[in-house]
Amino acid sequence: MAKRRKKKSSFFLAGTYFDYPALFYVLFLTVFGLVMVYSTSSYKGRVMADDAAYFFKRQAVVALLGVGLMTAISFVRYQKIRQFVYIILAGALALLVLIHFTGESANGSTRWLSIGGFSFQPSEIAKLAIIIYMAHICTQNSKGLNNMLDTAKMFVPPILLIIIIAVENLSTAIICGVIMVGMWYVATPKTKYIIAIGILGLAGILVFILKAGYRGNRIEAWLHPETSENGYQTMQSLYAIGSGGLFGRGLGQSIQKMGFIPEAHNDMIFSVICEELGIIGGIGLIVVFVMFLWRFRIIAEGAPDRFGSLIVVGIIIHVGFQVVVNMCVVTNIMPNTGVTLPFISYGGSSLLFLLMEMGLALSVSRQIRPYREKPLKAMKEM
């Protein structure tokens, strides 16, 4: 009986430490996102379903499910996930391939799968799979990271995922690529290699832009939004930010969300936040994201081993880069692309898998030993 109990407990954590500040930031952003989804989608909900809370209810159900999964995952020893890394990677690849046969289309792109009445984007699973795979391979073969040929071999599985994603969703493919390269660079900072990879990555992006004409139109809209036929959404987003002024019109008082900004509760939600809460509200949200990333950096530094540290690094890169891209698109600093604002934008699969990532980070934090020196073994692994 004693042996059975020991075997059972080896998969789960029973530590007393828990990173409450990190949990607070996650829950705060999730709840704030629900409030803004209700505010930005109430008009469309009334028009489409005669229910102002239509989109809010759907997002709230996913948020509750995601918080439940996050809590459950936080009690799992993250080291055990290494046993399933290739299964997770193969599953993500299979789902991405399946999109091209049975995927659902929306707004001209085929990015969704529907299983049992639940629609989701497999590309969100791919982000999680790449984080876990890169953390595993950079820990398992740390010496091979100094050899470009060995590194290229390691990159084959995630690059395959990225290419498949890029066919229908270039912006998500870029995020996945940044996660992959960023984690590798943190594991072994080789500046000359990172420059070479960056050049190859830009060449690949250019090929996909030239392949699809509508992507070139987005660049034109970015450079000349006021005259381009495709610059309507960008101009309406800028109008929303400008009309909000310093302190905003007030929560729920946006005018641009009333059919002027297409899908205001999705990619462009930050512009409505600035309209309703003002520049002060927008800066406040940025500050919360910065504090969130800083807290997770502390978790990465305090992780008991290299694998756990790299998992959190991957999550930091994912969230941080996606926040920057979304806000740059909304303010027309970069071309328009379909990237959601983490925790805030409407999107069930995005929020669900993001909260699962948070569960992994909290699992790492539960094995931190505060106020003590790191074990010698962990230091050698780092």
Protein backbone atom coordinates (compact mmCIF):
# COMPACT_ATOMS: atom_id res chain seq x y z
CA MET A 1 0.00 0.00 0.00
CA ALA A 2 2.85 2.35 0.85
CA LYS A 3 4.45 1.76 -2.55
CA ARG A 4 1.17 2.48 -4.31
CA ARG A 5 0.74 5.77 -2.48
CA LYS A 6 4.30 6.78 -3.37
CA LYS A 7 3.73 5.97 -7.04
CA LYS A 8 0.50 7.93 -7.11
CA SER A 9 1.97 10.99 -5.40
CA SER A 10 4.94 11.07 -7.79
CA PHE A 11 2.69 12.43 -10.55
CA PHE A 12 1.14 15.15 -8.40
CA LEU A 13 2.52 17.96 -6.29
CA ALA A 14 1.96 18.25 -2.58
CA GLY A 15 4.16 21.28 -1.94
CA THR A 16 3.03 24.14 0.24
CA TYR A 17 4.41 27.02 -1.87
CA PHE A 18 2.14 28.74 -4.36
CA ASP A 19 2.79 31.89 -6.40
CA TYR A 20 -0.26 33.97 -5.51
CA PRO A 21 0.96 37.14 -7.29
CA ALA A 22 1.19 35.22 -10.58
CA LEU A 23 -2.26 33.74 -9.99
CA PHE A 24 -3.63 37.20 -9.24
CA TYR A 25 -2.36 38.64 -12.54
CA VAL A 26 -3.82 35.72 -14.50
CA LEU A 27 -7.23 35.99 -12.84
CA PHE A 28 -7.26 39.79 -13.05
CA LEU A 29 -6.55 39.75 -16.79
CA THR A 30 -9.13 37.00 -17.35
CA VAL A 31 -11.86 38.84 -15.43
CA PHE A 32 -10.98 42.17 -17.06
CA GLY A 33 -11.16 40.42 -20.42
CA LEU A 34 -14.66 39.14 -19.64
CA VAL A 35 -15.79 42.65 -18.68
CA MET A 36 -14.42 44.10 -21.92
CA VAL A 37 -15.86 41.27 -24.04
CA TYR A 38 -19.30 42.08 -22.61
CA SER A 39 -18.81 45.80 -23.21
CA THR A 40 -17.49 45.47 -26.77
CA SER A 41 -19.87 42.72 -27.94
CA SER A 42 -23.15 43.84 -26.32
CA TYR A 43 -24.31 45.73 -29.43
CA LYS A 44 -23.49 42.86 -31.80
CA GLY A 45 -25.05 40.36 -29.39
CA ARG A 46 -28.34 42.27 -29.41
CA VAL A 47 -28.33 42.53 -33.20
CA MET A 48 -27.30 38.95 -33.89
CA ALA A 49 -28.94 36.97 -31.08
CA ASP A 50 -31.19 39.48 -29.28
CA ASP A 51 -28.98 38.99 -26.22
CA ALA A 52 -26.44 41.59 -25.14
CA ALA A 53 -24.60 38.96 -23.09
CA TYR A 54 -24.45 36.35 -25.88
CA PHE A 55 -20.68 36.50 -26.44
CA PHE A 56 -19.97 37.15 -22.75
CA LYS A 57 -21.76 33.95 -21.70
CA ARG A 58 -19.81 31.84 -24.19
CA GLN A 59 -16.50 33.37 -23.11
CA ALA A 60 -17.38 33.01 -19.41
CA VAL A 61 -18.04 29.27 -19.81
CA VAL A 62 -14.65 28.80 -21.47
CA ALA A 63 -12.97 30.95 -18.79
CA LEU A 64 -14.44 28.79 -15.99
CA LEU A 65 -13.35 25.61 -17.79
CA GLY A 66 -9.90 27.09 -18.41
CA VAL A 67 -9.43 28.14 -14.78
CA GLY A 68 -10.44 24.62 -13.72
CA LEU A 69 -7.89 23.05 -16.09
CA MET A 70 -5.27 25.58 -15.00
CA THR A 71 -5.80 24.63 -11.36
CA ALA A 72 -5.64 20.90 -12.13
CA ILE A 73 -2.47 21.24 -14.23
CA SER A 74 -0.80 23.34 -11.52
CA PHE A 75 -0.93 20.28 -9.23
CA VAL A 76 0.75 18.02 -11.81
CA ARG A 77 4.52 17.62 -11.74
CA TYR A 78 5.53 19.36 -14.96
CA GLN A 79 8.52 16.98 -15.28
CA LYS A 80 6.07 14.17 -16.06
CA ILE A 81 4.89 15.99 -19.17
CA ARG A 82 8.20 15.14 -20.85
CA GLN A 83 6.91 11.57 -21.19
CA PHE A 84 4.18 12.82 -23.54
CA VAL A 85 6.04 15.52 -25.47
CA TYR A 86 6.11 13.64 -28.78
CA ILE A 87 2.49 12.53 -28.38
CA ILE A 88 1.46 16.17 -27.88
CA LEU A 89 3.56 17.22 -30.89
CA ALA A 90 2.11 14.47 -33.10
CA GLY A 91 -1.42 15.29 -31.94
CA ALA A 92 -0.98 18.97 -32.83
CA LEU A 93 0.42 18.00 -36.25
CA ALA A 94 -2.49 15.63 -36.93
CA LEU A 95 -5.07 18.29 -36.03
CA LEU A 96 -3.36 20.89 -38.24
CA VAL A 97 -3.40 18.47 -41.20
CA LEU A 98 -7.04 17.60 -40.48
CA ILE A 99 -8.00 21.25 -40.94
CA HIS A 100 -7.30 20.97 -44.67
CA PHE A 101 -9.85 18.14 -44.99
CA THR A 102 -12.63 18.91 -42.52
CA GLY A 103 -11.85 22.44 -41.29
CA GLU A 104 -14.42 25.21 -40.97
CA SER A 105 -13.95 28.49 -42.83
CA ALA A 106 -14.60 32.00 -41.54
CA ASN A 107 -13.63 35.37 -43.07
CA GLY A 108 -11.92 33.59 -45.96
CA SER A 109 -9.62 31.41 -43.82
CA THR A 110 -9.89 27.78 -42.78
CA ARG A 111 -8.53 27.67 -39.23
CA TRP A 112 -11.15 25.88 -37.12
CA LEU A 113 -12.04 22.28 -36.33
CA SER A 114 -15.34 21.23 -34.84
CA ILE A 115 -15.40 18.15 -32.61
CA GLY A 116 -18.51 17.31 -30.63
CA GLY A 117 -19.98 20.74 -31.25
CA PHE A 118 -16.90 22.50 -29.89
CA SER A 119 -14.97 24.60 -32.41
CA PHE A 120 -11.32 25.37 -31.76
CA GLN A 121 -8.14 26.43 -33.53
CA PRO A 122 -5.47 23.68 -33.57
CA SER A 123 -2.84 26.41 -33.99
CA GLU A 124 -3.40 27.28 -30.30
CA ILE A 125 -2.48 23.69 -29.39
CA ALA A 126 0.58 24.02 -31.63
CA LYS A 127 1.87 26.96 -29.55
CA LEU A 128 1.69 24.85 -26.39
CA ALA A 129 3.25 21.85 -28.15
CA ILE A 130 6.19 23.95 -29.41
CA ILE A 131 6.83 25.38 -25.93
CA ILE A 132 6.93 21.92 -24.34
CA TYR A 133 8.99 20.41 -27.18
CA MET A 134 11.60 23.18 -27.22
CA ALA A 135 11.95 23.07 -23.43
CA HIS A 136 12.43 19.29 -23.65
CA ILE A 137 14.89 19.21 -26.54
CA CYS A 138 16.97 22.15 -25.24
CA THR A 139 17.31 20.31 -21.92
CA GLN A 140 17.87 16.83 -23.34
CA ASN A 141 20.52 17.82 -25.86
CA SER A 142 22.05 20.99 -24.45
CA LYS A 143 25.48 20.22 -25.98
CA GLY A 144 23.95 19.90 -29.45
CA LEU A 145 22.69 23.48 -29.23
CA ASN A 146 26.20 24.72 -29.98
CA ASN A 147 26.25 22.88 -33.31
CA MET A 148 24.21 24.37 -36.14
CA LEU A 149 23.58 20.99 -37.82
CA ASP A 150 22.28 19.40 -34.61
CA THR A 151 20.18 22.50 -33.94
CA ALA A 152 18.69 22.30 -37.44
CA LYS A 153 17.65 18.70 -36.77
CA MET A 154 15.98 19.76 -33.51
CA PHE A 155 14.04 22.43 -35.38
CA VAL A 156 12.49 20.04 -37.93
CA PRO A 157 9.30 19.09 -35.95
CA PRO A 158 8.31 22.65 -34.91
CA ILE A 159 9.21 24.05 -38.35
CA LEU A 160 6.88 21.48 -39.92
CA LEU A 161 4.08 22.71 -37.66
CA ILE A 162 4.87 26.33 -38.48
CA ILE A 163 4.79 25.75 -42.26
CA ILE A 164 1.40 24.04 -42.06
CA ILE A 165 0.02 26.88 -39.92
CA ALA A 166 1.43 29.52 -42.27
CA VAL A 167 -0.66 28.27 -45.19
CA GLU A 168 -3.83 29.67 -43.59
CA ASN A 169 -2.56 31.78 -40.67
CA LEU A 170 0.74 33.55 -41.23
CA SER A 171 0.50 35.71 -38.10
CA THR A 172 0.15 32.69 -35.78
CA ALA A 173 2.98 30.97 -37.66
CA ILE A 174 5.21 33.99 -36.97
CA ILE A 175 4.32 33.83 -33.26
CA CYS A 176 5.19 30.12 -33.19
CA GLY A 177 8.46 30.84 -34.95
CA VAL A 178 9.37 33.57 -32.46
CA ILE A 179 8.61 31.19 -29.57
CA MET A 180 10.83 28.50 -31.08
CA VAL A 181 13.78 30.77 -31.88
CA GLY A 182 13.42 32.79 -28.66
CA MET A 183 13.55 29.69 -26.45
CA TRP A 184 16.56 28.37 -28.35
CA TYR A 185 18.34 31.72 -28.02
CA VAL A 186 17.71 31.83 -24.26
CA ALA A 187 19.05 28.28 -23.94
CA THR A 188 22.22 29.11 -25.89
CA PRO A 189 22.71 32.74 -26.95
CA LYS A 190 24.47 32.59 -30.33
CA THR A 191 24.13 35.99 -31.97
CA LYS A 192 25.47 35.01 -35.41
CA TYR A 193 23.07 32.06 -35.56
CA ILE A 194 20.10 34.19 -34.55
CA ILE A 195 20.88 36.68 -37.33
CA ALA A 196 21.03 33.87 -39.91
CA ILE A 197 17.75 32.39 -38.67
CA GLY A 198 16.16 35.84 -38.70
CA ILE A 199 17.12 36.36 -42.35
CA LEU A 200 15.72 32.96 -43.32
CA GLY A 201 12.55 33.68 -41.36
CA LEU A 202 12.02 37.02 -43.10
CA ALA A 203 12.56 35.33 -46.47
CA GLY A 204 9.93 32.74 -45.60
CA ILE A 205 7.46 35.44 -44.51
CA LEU A 206 8.03 37.29 -47.80
CA VAL A 207 7.27 34.11 -49.79
CA PHE A 208 3.95 33.61 -47.97
CA ILE A 209 3.04 37.31 -48.41
CA LEU A 210 3.68 37.13 -52.17
CA LYS A 211 1.76 33.85 -52.39
CA ALA A 212 -1.46 35.40 -51.04
CA GLY A 213 -2.47 38.71 -52.63
CA TYR A 214 -4.61 39.84 -49.70
CA ARG A 215 -1.50 39.95 -47.49
CA GLY A 216 0.07 42.47 -49.85
CA ASN A 217 -3.12 44.51 -49.64
CA ARG A 218 -2.70 44.65 -45.86
CA ILE A 219 0.73 46.22 -46.29
CA GLU A 220 -0.77 48.82 -48.60
CA ALA A 221 -3.49 49.51 -46.00
CA TRP A 222 -0.81 49.88 -43.34
CA LEU A 223 1.16 52.44 -45.33
CA HIS A 224 -1.88 54.40 -46.58
CA PRO A 225 -4.91 53.52 -44.40
CA GLU A 226 -6.72 56.76 -45.23
CA THR A 227 -6.79 56.05 -48.99
CA SER A 228 -6.62 52.25 -49.20
CA GLU A 229 -9.78 50.21 -49.78
CA ASN A 230 -8.56 47.85 -47.06
CA GLY A 231 -7.77 50.52 -44.48
CA TYR A 232 -11.29 50.90 -43.09
CA GLN A 233 -10.76 48.78 -39.96
CA THR A 234 -7.48 50.50 -39.15
CA MET A 235 -8.98 53.97 -39.52
CA GLN A 236 -11.95 53.10 -37.31
CA SER A 237 -9.56 51.71 -34.70
CA LEU A 238 -7.55 54.95 -34.71
CA TYR A 239 -10.75 56.99 -34.48
CA ALA A 240 -11.73 54.99 -31.39
CA ILE A 241 -8.38 55.57 -29.69
CA GLY A 242 -8.39 59.27 -30.53
CA SER A 243 -11.98 59.87 -29.43
CA GLY A 244 -11.32 58.27 -26.06
CA GLY A 245 -8.94 61.04 -25.08
CA LEU A 246 -7.14 60.87 -21.76
CA PHE A 247 -9.85 59.39 -19.55
CA GLY A 248 -12.25 57.83 -22.06
CA ARG A 249 -15.97 58.01 -22.72
CA GLY A 250 -16.75 55.62 -19.87
CA LEU A 251 -17.15 51.84 -19.65
CA GLY A 252 -19.79 50.66 -22.10
CA GLN A 253 -20.03 54.04 -23.85
CA SER A 254 -18.04 53.24 -26.99
CA ILE A 255 -19.52 54.44 -30.28
CA GLN A 256 -17.07 52.68 -32.60
CA LYS A 257 -18.15 49.24 -31.33
CA MET A 258 -21.63 49.82 -32.81
CA GLY A 259 -20.81 48.32 -36.18
CA PHE A 260 -18.01 50.71 -37.12
CA ILE A 261 -15.13 48.45 -36.02
CA PRO A 262 -15.72 44.98 -37.47
CA GLU A 263 -15.48 42.29 -34.75
CA ALA A 264 -14.66 44.87 -32.08
CA HIS A 265 -14.57 42.16 -29.39
CA ASN A 266 -11.82 40.23 -31.17
CA ASP A 267 -8.52 41.57 -32.53
CA MET A 268 -9.38 45.27 -32.17
CA ILE A 269 -10.61 45.14 -28.58
CA PHE A 270 -7.70 47.30 -27.35
CA SER A 271 -8.93 50.24 -29.42
CA VAL A 272 -12.33 50.07 -27.68
CA ILE A 273 -10.57 49.82 -24.30
CA CYS A 274 -8.79 53.08 -25.12
CA GLU A 275 -12.06 54.66 -26.29
CA GLU A 276 -13.97 53.71 -23.13
CA LEU A 277 -11.18 53.97 -20.53
CA GLY A 278 -8.95 56.47 -22.28
CA ILE A 279 -5.21 56.50 -22.78
CA ILE A 280 -4.90 56.12 -19.00
CA GLY A 281 -6.84 52.85 -19.17
CA GLY A 282 -4.75 51.59 -22.09
CA ILE A 283 -1.49 52.42 -20.30
CA GLY A 284 -2.84 50.79 -17.13
CA LEU A 285 -3.47 47.55 -19.03
CA ILE A 286 0.05 47.66 -20.49
CA VAL A 287 1.46 48.10 -16.98
CA VAL A 288 -0.47 45.03 -15.78
CA PHE A 289 0.93 42.98 -18.66
CA VAL A 290 4.46 44.17 -17.83
CA MET A 291 4.00 43.19 -14.17
CA PHE A 292 2.59 39.83 -15.30
CA LEU A 293 5.64 39.14 -17.47
CA TRP A 294 8.01 40.31 -14.72
CA ARG A 295 6.39 37.93 -12.23
CA PHE A 296 6.72 35.02 -14.62
CA ARG A 297 10.36 35.97 -15.17
CA ILE A 298 10.87 35.49 -11.44
CA ILE A 299 9.29 32.03 -11.72
CA ALA A 300 11.63 31.17 -14.63
CA GLU A 301 14.69 32.26 -12.63
CA GLY A 302 13.59 30.32 -9.55
CA ALA A 303 12.64 27.11 -11.38
CA PRO A 304 14.28 24.01 -9.88
CA ASP A 305 15.58 22.76 -13.25
CA ARG A 306 16.32 23.85 -16.82
CA PHE A 307 13.20 22.21 -18.27
CA GLY A 308 10.86 24.14 -15.98
CA SER A 309 12.70 27.38 -16.55
CA LEU A 310 12.46 27.05 -20.33
CA ILE A 311 8.74 26.25 -20.18
CA VAL A 312 8.12 29.55 -18.40
CA VAL A 313 10.46 31.37 -20.79
CA GLY A 314 8.38 30.04 -23.70
CA ILE A 315 5.19 31.26 -22.05
CA ILE A 316 6.74 34.70 -21.45
CA ILE A 317 7.78 34.95 -25.12
CA HIS A 318 4.35 33.80 -26.30
CA VAL A 319 2.32 36.24 -24.21
CA GLY A 320 4.75 39.15 -24.47
CA PHE A 321 5.18 38.96 -28.24
CA GLN A 322 1.45 38.49 -28.89
CA VAL A 323 0.59 41.52 -26.72
CA VAL A 324 3.12 43.66 -28.60
CA VAL A 325 1.88 42.51 -32.02
CA ASN A 326 -1.79 43.08 -31.17
CA MET A 327 -1.23 46.57 -29.80
CA CYS A 328 1.05 47.51 -32.70
CA VAL A 329 -1.64 46.41 -35.18
CA VAL A 330 -4.37 48.36 -33.38
CA THR A 331 -2.25 51.54 -33.42
CA ASN A 332 -1.12 50.91 -37.04
CA ILE A 333 2.54 50.56 -36.08
CA MET A 334 2.58 47.35 -38.12
CA PRO A 335 0.33 45.80 -40.83
CA ASN A 336 -3.08 44.45 -39.83
CA THR A 337 -3.08 40.80 -38.89
CA GLY A 338 -5.39 38.52 -36.96
CA VAL A 339 -3.70 38.27 -33.56
CA THR A 340 -5.78 38.32 -30.39
CA LEU A 341 -4.88 40.22 -27.22
CA PRO A 342 -4.09 37.48 -24.65
CA PHE A 343 -6.75 37.00 -21.94
CA ILE A 344 -8.73 39.98 -23.27
CA SER A 345 -9.99 39.27 -26.80
CA TYR A 346 -12.98 37.04 -27.44
CA GLY A 347 -11.96 33.55 -28.49
CA GLY A 348 -12.60 30.31 -26.65
CA SER A 349 -9.70 28.17 -27.88
CA SER A 350 -7.21 31.02 -27.42
CA LEU A 351 -8.24 31.60 -23.79
CA LEU A 352 -8.56 27.91 -22.95
CA PHE A 353 -5.09 26.86 -24.09
CA LEU A 354 -3.55 30.05 -22.71
CA LEU A 355 -4.92 29.20 -19.25
CA MET A 356 -3.50 25.69 -19.65
CA GLU A 357 -0.10 27.31 -20.23
CA MET A 358 -0.62 29.27 -17.03
CA GLY A 359 -1.26 25.98 -15.24
CA LEU A 360 2.14 24.73 -16.42
CA ALA A 361 3.85 27.89 -15.17
CA LEU A 362 2.12 27.59 -11.79
CA SER A 363 3.21 23.95 -11.62
CA VAL A 364 6.80 25.15 -12.03
CA SER A 365 6.29 27.79 -9.35
CA ARG A 366 4.97 25.20 -6.88
CA GLN A 367 8.40 23.51 -6.87
CA ILE A 368 10.30 26.70 -6.11
CA ARG A 369 11.96 26.68 -2.70
CA PRO A 370 11.77 30.32 -1.52
CA TYR A 371 14.42 31.80 0.77
CA ARG A 372 16.77 28.92 0.10
CA GLU A 373 19.72 28.48 -2.20
CA LYS A 374 19.07 26.49 -5.33
CA PRO A 375 20.17 22.86 -5.17
CA LEU A 376 23.61 22.28 -6.67
CA LYS A 377 22.17 19.86 -9.21
CA ALA A 378 19.66 22.41 -10.48
CA MET A 379 22.38 25.05 -10.74
CA LYS A 380 24.52 22.75 -12.87
CA GLU A 381 21.56 22.07 -15.16
CA MET A 382 20.94 25.80 -15.56
